[in-house]
Amino acid sequence: MSAPPKKHTSNAIKFLFGGLSGMGATIVVQPLDLVKTRMQISGAGSGKKEFRNSFHCMQTIVSKEGVLALYTGIGAALLRQATYTTSRLGIYTYLNDQFLERFKHNPGVLHSMVMGTVAGACGAFIGTPAEVALIRMTSDGRLPVAERRNYTSVLNALSRITTEEGVAALWKGSLPTVGRAMIVNMTQLASYSQFKAYFRDGPLKMQEGIPLHFCASMLSGLLTTMTSMPLDIAKTRIQNMKTIDGKPEYRGTVDVLYRVARQEGLFSLWKGFTPYYCRLGPHTVLTFILLEQLNKAYNTYINSAKANV
């Protein structure tokens, strides 16, 4: 008797698992994302540093705004994951599966980079409105009381941005956002696949499981942090800027990078490296571990049950 046909995970489930894994990781690392944003905005214009380091930044936030302030903008952060991460991981997984089905072998570095770039660009464009809301909500507490936007929720932020600035403002900074996402996903998704294959099939012969996923994720996160930070700073500054007398603070991505390097020093393009990596590393680890575990559980309990019907 022939074996029953193998059940495959549907594309809808792949997208769902991508979003859920990103949202789960965000709940854990949101305080680090807030610290990263505050440090990237620190010194804008004047070049004067507000914080000595990441720990001083976190201490300042807690002492002035309270412990719960570390989760300011969590609604926007979860919405961002629901849109951005759902799209990018879903598209990447779909493209990866299509490659395996067509060519009958794992994609190489170049193929993984191309797939990661495409997935990142699509996901970033879809997730930009939530990104704009997140940046503004997490940076609001550092402003003088009279200048704060005081959004009450992510829905309130999106509604007011649309009403006060127009629909196009929801995609403010979309160019550096998409550019950053292309670099992040090209590096993160491709390097994760390659590190995972190396640790599993190389000299270490690591078994499939959480230790393997952890090692691959941490190295992937380090490479991603190093390559994407300048564009992340440009994205943050543009999405947080205000228009004064009809004139925006920055003309574009290149203007941000040039002015930050000139006014604050070249290495300021990597300002907030520690919280960025401490956020991206664990976020990468948790996202991929959750994604792997969700897929494993689905294949074990759902696909196997379908196969036995």
C-alpha atoms as a PDB file:
ATOM      1  CA  MET A   1       0.000   0.000   0.000  1.00  0.00           C
ATOM      2  CA  SER A   2       1.388   3.407  -0.960  1.00  0.00           C
ATOM      3  CA  ALA A   3       2.052   5.982   1.739  1.00  0.00           C
ATOM      4  CA  PRO A   4      -0.508   8.759   2.097  1.00  0.00           C
ATOM      5  CA  PRO A   5       0.424  12.002   0.365  1.00  0.00           C
ATOM      6  CA  LYS A   6       2.457  14.373   2.479  1.00  0.00           C
ATOM      7  CA  LYS A   7       0.512  17.310   3.845  1.00  0.00           C
ATOM      8  CA  HIS A   8       2.029  20.737   3.332  1.00  0.00           C
ATOM      9  CA  THR A   9       1.593  23.835   5.462  1.00  0.00           C
ATOM     10  CA  SER A  10      -0.665  26.309   3.670  1.00  0.00           C
ATOM     11  CA  ASN A  11       0.600  29.758   2.744  1.00  0.00           C
ATOM     12  CA  ALA A  12      -1.952  31.345   5.098  1.00  0.00           C
ATOM     13  CA  ILE A  13      -0.519  29.364   8.030  1.00  0.00           C
ATOM     14  CA  LYS A  14       3.029  30.378   7.070  1.00  0.00           C
ATOM     15  CA  PHE A  15       2.051  34.056   7.152  1.00  0.00           C
ATOM     16  CA  LEU A  16       0.158  33.582  10.427  1.00  0.00           C
ATOM     17  CA  PHE A  17       3.104  31.864  12.124  1.00  0.00           C
ATOM     18  CA  GLY A  18       5.467  34.584  10.892  1.00  0.00           C
ATOM     19  CA  GLY A  19       3.333  37.280  12.500  1.00  0.00           C
ATOM     20  CA  LEU A  20       2.749  35.405  15.748  1.00  0.00           C
ATOM     21  CA  SER A  21       6.454  34.645  16.202  1.00  0.00           C
ATOM     22  CA  GLY A  22       7.387  38.294  15.657  1.00  0.00           C
ATOM     23  CA  MET A  23       4.684  39.519  18.055  1.00  0.00           C
ATOM     24  CA  GLY A  24       5.772  37.086  20.750  1.00  0.00           C
ATOM     25  CA  ALA A  25       9.390  38.234  20.470  1.00  0.00           C
ATOM     26  CA  THR A  26       8.362  41.907  20.541  1.00  0.00           C
ATOM     27  CA  ILE A  27       6.579  41.555  23.875  1.00  0.00           C
ATOM     28  CA  VAL A  28       9.923  40.519  25.400  1.00  0.00           C
ATOM     29  CA  VAL A  29      12.233  43.079  23.757  1.00  0.00           C
ATOM     30  CA  GLN A  30      10.013  46.196  23.565  1.00  0.00           C
ATOM     31  CA  PRO A  31      11.917  48.054  26.358  1.00  0.00           C
ATOM     32  CA  LEU A  32      15.166  47.703  24.378  1.00  0.00           C
ATOM     33  CA  ASP A  33      13.463  48.992  21.238  1.00  0.00           C
ATOM     34  CA  LEU A  34      12.298  52.072  23.153  1.00  0.00           C
ATOM     35  CA  VAL A  35      15.832  52.688  24.482  1.00  0.00           C
ATOM     36  CA  LYS A  36      17.241  52.283  20.970  1.00  0.00           C
ATOM     37  CA  THR A  37      14.803  54.849  19.560  1.00  0.00           C
ATOM     38  CA  ARG A  38      15.475  57.388  22.331  1.00  0.00           C
ATOM     39  CA  MET A  39      19.245  57.105  21.835  1.00  0.00           C
ATOM     40  CA  GLN A  40      18.979  57.485  18.058  1.00  0.00           C
ATOM     41  CA  ILE A  41      16.948  60.687  18.441  1.00  0.00           C
ATOM     42  CA  SER A  42      19.200  62.005  21.211  1.00  0.00           C
ATOM     43  CA  GLY A  43      21.340  64.869  19.965  1.00  0.00           C
ATOM     44  CA  ALA A  44      19.259  65.565  16.873  1.00  0.00           C
ATOM     45  CA  GLY A  45      19.978  69.086  15.671  1.00  0.00           C
ATOM     46  CA  SER A  46      22.191  70.300  18.507  1.00  0.00           C
ATOM     47  CA  GLY A  47      24.424  67.251  18.669  1.00  0.00           C
ATOM     48  CA  LYS A  48      24.174  67.325  22.472  1.00  0.00           C
ATOM     49  CA  LYS A  49      23.979  63.861  24.008  1.00  0.00           C
ATOM     50  CA  GLU A  50      21.102  63.273  26.407  1.00  0.00           C
ATOM     51  CA  PHE A  51      22.300  59.885  27.605  1.00  0.00           C
ATOM     52  CA  ARG A  52      25.739  58.569  28.550  1.00  0.00           C
ATOM     53  CA  ASN A  53      24.892  55.024  27.476  1.00  0.00           C
ATOM     54  CA  SER A  54      22.033  52.549  27.147  1.00  0.00           C
ATOM     55  CA  PHE A  55      21.797  51.889  30.875  1.00  0.00           C
ATOM     56  CA  HIS A  56      21.648  55.624  31.643  1.00  0.00           C
ATOM     57  CA  CYS A  57      18.902  55.996  29.041  1.00  0.00           C
ATOM     58  CA  MET A  58      16.820  53.218  30.594  1.00  0.00           C
ATOM     59  CA  GLN A  59      17.426  54.592  34.088  1.00  0.00           C
ATOM     60  CA  THR A  60      16.331  58.068  32.969  1.00  0.00           C
ATOM     61  CA  ILE A  61      13.137  56.744  31.387  1.00  0.00           C
ATOM     62  CA  VAL A  62      12.192  54.770  34.512  1.00  0.00           C
ATOM     63  CA  SER A  63      12.984  57.603  36.930  1.00  0.00           C
ATOM     64  CA  LYS A  64      11.139  60.296  34.944  1.00  0.00           C
ATOM     65  CA  GLU A  65       8.278  58.363  33.368  1.00  0.00           C
ATOM     66  CA  GLY A  66       7.885  55.194  35.436  1.00  0.00           C
ATOM     67  CA  VAL A  67       8.578  51.512  34.781  1.00  0.00           C
ATOM     68  CA  LEU A  68       5.527  51.077  32.568  1.00  0.00           C
ATOM     69  CA  ALA A  69       6.945  53.714  30.215  1.00  0.00           C
ATOM     70  CA  LEU A  70       9.346  51.042  28.965  1.00  0.00           C
ATOM     71  CA  TYR A  71       6.331  49.548  27.193  1.00  0.00           C
ATOM     72  CA  THR A  72       5.179  52.812  25.636  1.00  0.00           C
ATOM     73  CA  GLY A  73       4.004  52.111  22.098  1.00  0.00           C
ATOM     74  CA  ILE A  74       3.579  48.357  22.608  1.00  0.00           C
ATOM     75  CA  GLY A  75       0.331  48.459  20.623  1.00  0.00           C
ATOM     76  CA  ALA A  76       2.113  50.022  17.647  1.00  0.00           C
ATOM     77  CA  ALA A  77       4.975  47.546  18.040  1.00  0.00           C
ATOM     78  CA  LEU A  78       2.576  44.591  17.915  1.00  0.00           C
ATOM     79  CA  LEU A  79       0.750  46.072  14.922  1.00  0.00           C
ATOM     80  CA  ARG A  80       4.099  46.510  13.199  1.00  0.00           C
ATOM     81  CA  GLN A  81       4.896  42.841  13.749  1.00  0.00           C
ATOM     82  CA  ALA A  82       1.405  41.834  12.615  1.00  0.00           C
ATOM     83  CA  THR A  83       1.962  43.650   9.317  1.00  0.00           C
ATOM     84  CA  TYR A  84       5.727  43.741   8.699  1.00  0.00           C
ATOM     85  CA  THR A  85       6.862  40.413  10.149  1.00  0.00           C
ATOM     86  CA  THR A  86       3.790  38.531   8.926  1.00  0.00           C
ATOM     87  CA  SER A  87       4.562  39.729   5.403  1.00  0.00           C
ATOM     88  CA  ARG A  88       8.342  39.327   5.351  1.00  0.00           C
ATOM     89  CA  LEU A  89       8.569  35.901   6.999  1.00  0.00           C
ATOM     90  CA  GLY A  90       5.538  34.629   5.117  1.00  0.00           C
ATOM     91  CA  ILE A  91       6.897  35.784   1.752  1.00  0.00           C
ATOM     92  CA  TYR A  92      10.405  34.515   2.539  1.00  0.00           C
ATOM     93  CA  THR A  93       9.121  31.093   3.636  1.00  0.00           C
ATOM     94  CA  TYR A  94       6.935  30.880   0.540  1.00  0.00           C
ATOM     95  CA  LEU A  95       9.819  31.783  -1.798  1.00  0.00           C
ATOM     96  CA  ASN A  96      12.145  29.356  -0.007  1.00  0.00           C
ATOM     97  CA  ASP A  97       9.619  26.520  -0.352  1.00  0.00           C
ATOM     98  CA  GLN A  98       9.077  27.329  -4.025  1.00  0.00           C
ATOM     99  CA  PHE A  99      12.846  27.194  -4.594  1.00  0.00           C
ATOM    100  CA  LEU A 100      13.097  23.785  -2.877  1.00  0.00           C
ATOM    101  CA  GLU A 101      10.157  22.434  -4.858  1.00  0.00           C
ATOM    102  CA  ARG A 102      11.528  23.622  -8.174  1.00  0.00           C
ATOM    103  CA  PHE A 103      15.271  22.990  -7.831  1.00  0.00           C
ATOM    104  CA  LYS A 104      15.262  20.108  -5.301  1.00  0.00           C
ATOM    105  CA  HIS A 105      18.077  21.545  -3.171  1.00  0.00           C
ATOM    106  CA  ASN A 106      18.568  24.211  -0.506  1.00  0.00           C
ATOM    107  CA  PRO A 107      19.091  27.765  -1.797  1.00  0.00           C
ATOM    108  CA  GLY A 108      22.622  29.137  -1.749  1.00  0.00           C
ATOM    109  CA  VAL A 109      23.758  32.399  -0.152  1.00  0.00           C
ATOM    110  CA  LEU A 110      22.944  34.535  -3.202  1.00  0.00           C
ATOM    111  CA  HIS A 111      19.489  33.026  -3.630  1.00  0.00           C
ATOM    112  CA  SER A 112      18.734  33.487   0.076  1.00  0.00           C
ATOM    113  CA  MET A 113      19.882  37.119  -0.092  1.00  0.00           C
ATOM    114  CA  VAL A 114      17.646  37.858  -3.075  1.00  0.00           C
ATOM    115  CA  MET A 115      14.632  36.215  -1.421  1.00  0.00           C
ATOM    116  CA  GLY A 116      15.326  38.068   1.823  1.00  0.00           C
ATOM    117  CA  THR A 117      15.593  41.387  -0.007  1.00  0.00           C
ATOM    118  CA  VAL A 118      12.272  40.906  -1.814  1.00  0.00           C
ATOM    119  CA  ALA A 119      10.517  39.775   1.380  1.00  0.00           C
ATOM    120  CA  GLY A 120      11.948  42.693   3.367  1.00  0.00           C
ATOM    121  CA  ALA A 121      10.946  45.343   0.839  1.00  0.00           C
ATOM    122  CA  CYS A 122       7.351  44.073   0.632  1.00  0.00           C
ATOM    123  CA  GLY A 123       7.005  43.714   4.391  1.00  0.00           C
ATOM    124  CA  ALA A 124       8.497  47.137   5.130  1.00  0.00           C
ATOM    125  CA  PHE A 125       6.166  48.993   2.789  1.00  0.00           C
ATOM    126  CA  ILE A 126       3.135  47.259   4.301  1.00  0.00           C
ATOM    127  CA  GLY A 127       4.369  47.908   7.849  1.00  0.00           C
ATOM    128  CA  THR A 128       5.487  51.558   7.482  1.00  0.00           C
ATOM    129  CA  PRO A 129       2.311  53.154   8.979  1.00  0.00           C
ATOM    130  CA  ALA A 130       2.698  51.103  12.172  1.00  0.00           C
ATOM    131  CA  GLU A 131       6.421  51.952  12.163  1.00  0.00           C
ATOM    132  CA  VAL A 132       5.684  55.690  12.024  1.00  0.00           C
ATOM    133  CA  ALA A 133       3.239  55.377  14.924  1.00  0.00           C
ATOM    134  CA  LEU A 134       5.744  53.317  16.926  1.00  0.00           C
ATOM    135  CA  ILE A 135       8.620  55.773  16.490  1.00  0.00           C
ATOM    136  CA  ARG A 136       6.467  58.737  17.486  1.00  0.00           C
ATOM    137  CA  MET A 137       4.939  57.022  20.502  1.00  0.00           C
ATOM    138  CA  THR A 138       8.273  55.760  21.864  1.00  0.00           C
ATOM    139  CA  SER A 139       9.984  59.132  21.405  1.00  0.00           C
ATOM    140  CA  ASP A 140       7.171  61.308  22.813  1.00  0.00           C
ATOM    141  CA  GLY A 141       8.293  61.083  26.438  1.00  0.00           C
ATOM    142  CA  ARG A 142      11.610  62.838  25.784  1.00  0.00           C
ATOM    143  CA  LEU A 143       9.901  65.980  24.455  1.00  0.00           C
ATOM    144  CA  PRO A 144       8.841  68.964  26.575  1.00  0.00           C
ATOM    145  CA  VAL A 145       5.235  68.564  27.736  1.00  0.00           C
ATOM    146  CA  ALA A 146       4.006  71.331  25.423  1.00  0.00           C
ATOM    147  CA  GLU A 147       5.517  69.630  22.343  1.00  0.00           C
ATOM    148  CA  ARG A 148       4.317  66.085  22.962  1.00  0.00           C
ATOM    149  CA  ARG A 149       1.874  64.505  20.540  1.00  0.00           C
ATOM    150  CA  ASN A 150       0.200  62.504  23.323  1.00  0.00           C
ATOM    151  CA  TYR A 151      -1.223  59.714  21.192  1.00  0.00           C
ATOM    152  CA  THR A 152      -3.469  57.567  23.383  1.00  0.00           C
ATOM    153  CA  SER A 153      -3.131  54.377  21.313  1.00  0.00           C
ATOM    154  CA  VAL A 154      -1.816  53.131  17.996  1.00  0.00           C
ATOM    155  CA  LEU A 155      -5.269  53.603  16.427  1.00  0.00           C
ATOM    156  CA  ASN A 156      -5.386  57.159  17.768  1.00  0.00           C
ATOM    157  CA  ALA A 157      -1.910  57.779  16.344  1.00  0.00           C
ATOM    158  CA  LEU A 158      -2.827  56.494  12.881  1.00  0.00           C
ATOM    159  CA  SER A 159      -6.109  58.433  12.908  1.00  0.00           C
ATOM    160  CA  ARG A 160      -4.509  61.721  13.979  1.00  0.00           C
ATOM    161  CA  ILE A 161      -1.586  61.393  11.574  1.00  0.00           C
ATOM    162  CA  THR A 162      -4.060  60.875   8.726  1.00  0.00           C
ATOM    163  CA  THR A 163      -6.285  63.764   9.824  1.00  0.00           C
ATOM    164  CA  GLU A 164      -3.567  66.259  10.723  1.00  0.00           C
ATOM    165  CA  GLU A 165      -0.915  65.458   8.102  1.00  0.00           C
ATOM    166  CA  GLY A 166      -2.660  63.481   5.359  1.00  0.00           C
ATOM    167  CA  VAL A 167      -2.636  59.818   4.371  1.00  0.00           C
ATOM    168  CA  ALA A 168       0.802  60.114   2.750  1.00  0.00           C
ATOM    169  CA  ALA A 169       2.300  60.915   6.172  1.00  0.00           C
ATOM    170  CA  LEU A 170       1.648  57.303   7.181  1.00  0.00           C
ATOM    171  CA  TRP A 171       4.421  56.358   4.744  1.00  0.00           C
ATOM    172  CA  LYS A 172       6.805  59.091   5.873  1.00  0.00           C
ATOM    173  CA  GLY A 173      10.320  57.709   5.780  1.00  0.00           C
ATOM    174  CA  SER A 174       9.232  54.761   3.648  1.00  0.00           C
ATOM    175  CA  LEU A 175      12.380  54.976   1.510  1.00  0.00           C
ATOM    176  CA  PRO A 176      14.873  54.414   4.357  1.00  0.00           C
ATOM    177  CA  THR A 177      12.397  52.009   5.972  1.00  0.00           C
ATOM    178  CA  VAL A 178      12.294  49.852   2.851  1.00  0.00           C
ATOM    179  CA  GLY A 179      16.047  50.253   2.321  1.00  0.00           C
ATOM    180  CA  ARG A 180      16.771  49.229   5.902  1.00  0.00           C
ATOM    181  CA  ALA A 181      14.387  46.290   5.673  1.00  0.00           C
ATOM    182  CA  MET A 182      16.028  45.090   2.464  1.00  0.00           C
ATOM    183  CA  ILE A 183      19.429  45.131   4.169  1.00  0.00           C
ATOM    184  CA  VAL A 184      18.069  43.614   7.401  1.00  0.00           C
ATOM    185  CA  ASN A 185      16.280  40.781   5.648  1.00  0.00           C
ATOM    186  CA  MET A 186      19.004  40.183   3.086  1.00  0.00           C
ATOM    187  CA  THR A 187      21.456  39.833   5.975  1.00  0.00           C
ATOM    188  CA  GLN A 188      19.246  38.337   8.681  1.00  0.00           C
ATOM    189  CA  LEU A 189      17.256  35.741   6.771  1.00  0.00           C
ATOM    190  CA  ALA A 190      20.076  34.704   4.460  1.00  0.00           C
ATOM    191  CA  SER A 191      22.739  34.556   7.184  1.00  0.00           C
ATOM    192  CA  TYR A 192      20.385  32.684   9.536  1.00  0.00           C
ATOM    193  CA  SER A 193      19.835  30.007   6.906  1.00  0.00           C
ATOM    194  CA  GLN A 194      23.548  29.757   6.184  1.00  0.00           C
ATOM    195  CA  PHE A 195      24.687  29.758   9.841  1.00  0.00           C
ATOM    196  CA  LYS A 196      22.057  27.146  10.633  1.00  0.00           C
ATOM    197  CA  ALA A 197      23.243  24.939   7.757  1.00  0.00           C
ATOM    198  CA  TYR A 198      26.886  25.376   8.824  1.00  0.00           C
ATOM    199  CA  PHE A 199      26.277  24.486  12.484  1.00  0.00           C
ATOM    200  CA  ARG A 200      24.105  21.524  11.486  1.00  0.00           C
ATOM    201  CA  ASP A 201      26.117  20.111   8.579  1.00  0.00           C
ATOM    202  CA  GLY A 202      29.611  21.463   9.352  1.00  0.00           C
ATOM    203  CA  PRO A 203      32.259  20.320  11.847  1.00  0.00           C
ATOM    204  CA  LEU A 204      30.009  20.915  14.908  1.00  0.00           C
ATOM    205  CA  LYS A 205      27.214  18.619  13.637  1.00  0.00           C
ATOM    206  CA  MET A 206      24.642  20.282  15.886  1.00  0.00           C
ATOM    207  CA  GLN A 207      21.267  18.595  16.109  1.00  0.00           C
ATOM    208  CA  GLU A 208      18.086  20.379  15.096  1.00  0.00           C
ATOM    209  CA  GLY A 209      16.682  22.203  18.126  1.00  0.00           C
ATOM    210  CA  ILE A 210      16.772  25.357  20.222  1.00  0.00           C
ATOM    211  CA  PRO A 211      20.615  25.443  20.766  1.00  0.00           C
ATOM    212  CA  LEU A 212      21.130  25.352  16.989  1.00  0.00           C
ATOM    213  CA  HIS A 213      18.510  28.049  16.402  1.00  0.00           C
ATOM    214  CA  PHE A 214      20.021  30.209  19.191  1.00  0.00           C
ATOM    215  CA  CYS A 215      23.592  30.111  17.815  1.00  0.00           C
ATOM    216  CA  ALA A 216      22.482  30.830  14.250  1.00  0.00           C
ATOM    217  CA  SER A 217      20.182  33.655  15.393  1.00  0.00           C
ATOM    218  CA  MET A 218      22.757  35.475  17.554  1.00  0.00           C
ATOM    219  CA  LEU A 219      25.380  35.552  14.790  1.00  0.00           C
ATOM    220  CA  SER A 220      22.736  36.549  12.263  1.00  0.00           C
ATOM    221  CA  GLY A 221      21.612  39.373  14.581  1.00  0.00           C
ATOM    222  CA  LEU A 222      25.171  40.685  14.972  1.00  0.00           C
ATOM    223  CA  LEU A 223      25.751  40.914  11.215  1.00  0.00           C
ATOM    224  CA  THR A 224      22.350  42.519  10.730  1.00  0.00           C
ATOM    225  CA  THR A 225      23.017  45.164  13.403  1.00  0.00           C
ATOM    226  CA  MET A 226      26.336  46.173  11.862  1.00  0.00           C
ATOM    227  CA  THR A 227      24.957  46.575   8.339  1.00  0.00           C
ATOM    228  CA  SER A 228      21.562  48.163   9.013  1.00  0.00           C
ATOM    229  CA  MET A 229      22.103  50.738  11.777  1.00  0.00           C
ATOM    230  CA  PRO A 230      22.841  53.842   9.656  1.00  0.00           C
ATOM    231  CA  LEU A 231      19.618  53.426   7.686  1.00  0.00           C
ATOM    232  CA  ASP A 232      17.741  52.658  10.895  1.00  0.00           C
ATOM    233  CA  ILE A 233      18.868  55.993  12.352  1.00  0.00           C
ATOM    234  CA  ALA A 234      17.826  57.789   9.155  1.00  0.00           C
ATOM    235  CA  LYS A 235      14.426  56.095   9.301  1.00  0.00           C
ATOM    236  CA  THR A 236      13.934  57.021  12.957  1.00  0.00           C
ATOM    237  CA  ARG A 237      14.904  60.682  12.492  1.00  0.00           C
ATOM    238  CA  ILE A 238      12.687  61.154   9.421  1.00  0.00           C
ATOM    239  CA  GLN A 239       9.644  59.463  10.946  1.00  0.00           C
ATOM    240  CA  ASN A 240       9.966  61.495  14.139  1.00  0.00           C
ATOM    241  CA  MET A 241      10.716  64.882  12.552  1.00  0.00           C
ATOM    242  CA  LYS A 242       8.325  67.799  12.667  1.00  0.00           C
ATOM    243  CA  THR A 243       7.582  70.329   9.960  1.00  0.00           C
ATOM    244  CA  ILE A 244       8.223  73.892  11.140  1.00  0.00           C
ATOM    245  CA  ASP A 245       6.877  76.810   9.040  1.00  0.00           C
ATOM    246  CA  GLY A 246       6.252  74.405   6.176  1.00  0.00           C
ATOM    247  CA  LYS A 247       9.858  73.189   6.152  1.00  0.00           C
ATOM    248  CA  PRO A 248      10.713  69.612   7.183  1.00  0.00           C
ATOM    249  CA  GLU A 249      13.710  69.073   9.460  1.00  0.00           C
ATOM    250  CA  TYR A 250      15.411  66.747   6.957  1.00  0.00           C
ATOM    251  CA  ARG A 251      15.291  66.604   3.167  1.00  0.00           C
ATOM    252  CA  GLY A 252      15.772  62.847   2.952  1.00  0.00           C
ATOM    253  CA  THR A 253      17.869  59.843   3.882  1.00  0.00           C
ATOM    254  CA  VAL A 254      21.161  61.175   2.530  1.00  0.00           C
ATOM    255  CA  ASP A 255      20.635  64.497   4.313  1.00  0.00           C
ATOM    256  CA  VAL A 256      20.092  62.692   7.627  1.00  0.00           C
ATOM    257  CA  LEU A 257      23.208  60.548   7.237  1.00  0.00           C
ATOM    258  CA  TYR A 258      25.332  63.543   6.204  1.00  0.00           C
ATOM    259  CA  ARG A 259      24.143  65.799   9.028  1.00  0.00           C
ATOM    260  CA  VAL A 260      24.442  63.123  11.712  1.00  0.00           C
ATOM    261  CA  ALA A 261      28.004  62.310  10.596  1.00  0.00           C
ATOM    262  CA  ARG A 262      28.970  65.997  10.371  1.00  0.00           C
ATOM    263  CA  GLN A 263      27.282  67.299  13.537  1.00  0.00           C
ATOM    264  CA  GLU A 264      27.557  64.284  15.829  1.00  0.00           C
ATOM    265  CA  GLY A 265      30.474  62.303  14.410  1.00  0.00           C
ATOM    266  CA  LEU A 266      30.740  59.399  11.963  1.00  0.00           C
ATOM    267  CA  PHE A 267      30.312  56.753  14.639  1.00  0.00           C
ATOM    268  CA  SER A 268      27.013  58.360  15.653  1.00  0.00           C
ATOM    269  CA  LEU A 269      25.571  56.499  12.664  1.00  0.00           C
ATOM    270  CA  TRP A 270      25.860  53.470  14.947  1.00  0.00           C
ATOM    271  CA  LYS A 271      24.459  55.323  17.989  1.00  0.00           C
ATOM    272  CA  GLY A 272      22.488  52.945  20.159  1.00  0.00           C
ATOM    273  CA  PHE A 273      24.423  49.893  18.870  1.00  0.00           C
ATOM    274  CA  THR A 274      24.175  48.076  22.205  1.00  0.00           C
ATOM    275  CA  PRO A 275      20.383  48.316  22.680  1.00  0.00           C
ATOM    276  CA  TYR A 276      19.893  47.753  18.946  1.00  0.00           C
ATOM    277  CA  TYR A 277      21.818  44.494  19.051  1.00  0.00           C
ATOM    278  CA  CYS A 278      20.491  43.538  22.477  1.00  0.00           C
ATOM    279  CA  ARG A 279      17.044  44.038  20.989  1.00  0.00           C
ATOM    280  CA  LEU A 280      17.692  42.585  17.524  1.00  0.00           C
ATOM    281  CA  GLY A 281      19.727  39.604  18.727  1.00  0.00           C
ATOM    282  CA  PRO A 282      17.128  38.265  21.192  1.00  0.00           C
ATOM    283  CA  HIS A 283      14.302  39.317  18.872  1.00  0.00           C
ATOM    284  CA  THR A 284      15.908  37.322  16.066  1.00  0.00           C
ATOM    285  CA  VAL A 285      16.461  34.381  18.410  1.00  0.00           C
ATOM    286  CA  LEU A 286      12.929  34.429  19.805  1.00  0.00           C
ATOM    287  CA  THR A 287      11.306  35.017  16.409  1.00  0.00           C
ATOM    288  CA  PHE A 288      13.044  32.092  14.734  1.00  0.00           C
ATOM    289  CA  ILE A 289      12.694  29.794  17.743  1.00  0.00           C
ATOM    290  CA  LEU A 290       8.972  30.556  18.003  1.00  0.00           C
ATOM    291  CA  LEU A 291       8.600  30.147  14.242  1.00  0.00           C
ATOM    292  CA  GLU A 292      10.402  26.794  14.281  1.00  0.00           C
ATOM    293  CA  GLN A 293       8.352  25.587  17.263  1.00  0.00           C
ATOM    294  CA  LEU A 294       5.047  26.691  15.721  1.00  0.00           C
ATOM    295  CA  ASN A 295       5.899  24.883  12.492  1.00  0.00           C
ATOM    296  CA  LYS A 296       6.984  21.795  14.432  1.00  0.00           C
ATOM    297  CA  ALA A 297       3.774  21.752  16.484  1.00  0.00           C
ATOM    298  CA  TYR A 298       1.647  22.271  13.374  1.00  0.00           C
ATOM    299  CA  ASN A 299       3.366  19.427  11.528  1.00  0.00           C
ATOM    300  CA  THR A 300       3.148  17.150  14.578  1.00  0.00           C
ATOM    301  CA  TYR A 301      -0.433  17.754  15.617  1.00  0.00           C
ATOM    302  CA  ILE A 302      -2.245  19.111  12.567  1.00  0.00           C
ATOM    303  CA  ASN A 303      -0.558  17.728   9.461  1.00  0.00           C
ATOM    304  CA  SER A 304      -0.085  14.284  11.018  1.00  0.00           C
ATOM    305  CA  ALA A 305      -3.749  14.212  12.022  1.00  0.00           C
ATOM    306  CA  LYS A 306      -4.780  15.158   8.480  1.00  0.00           C
ATOM    307  CA  ALA A 307      -2.515  12.460   7.055  1.00  0.00           C
ATOM    308  CA  ASN A 308      -4.223   9.826   9.195  1.00  0.00           C
ATOM    309  CA  VAL A 309      -7.721  10.806   8.131  1.00  0.00           C
END
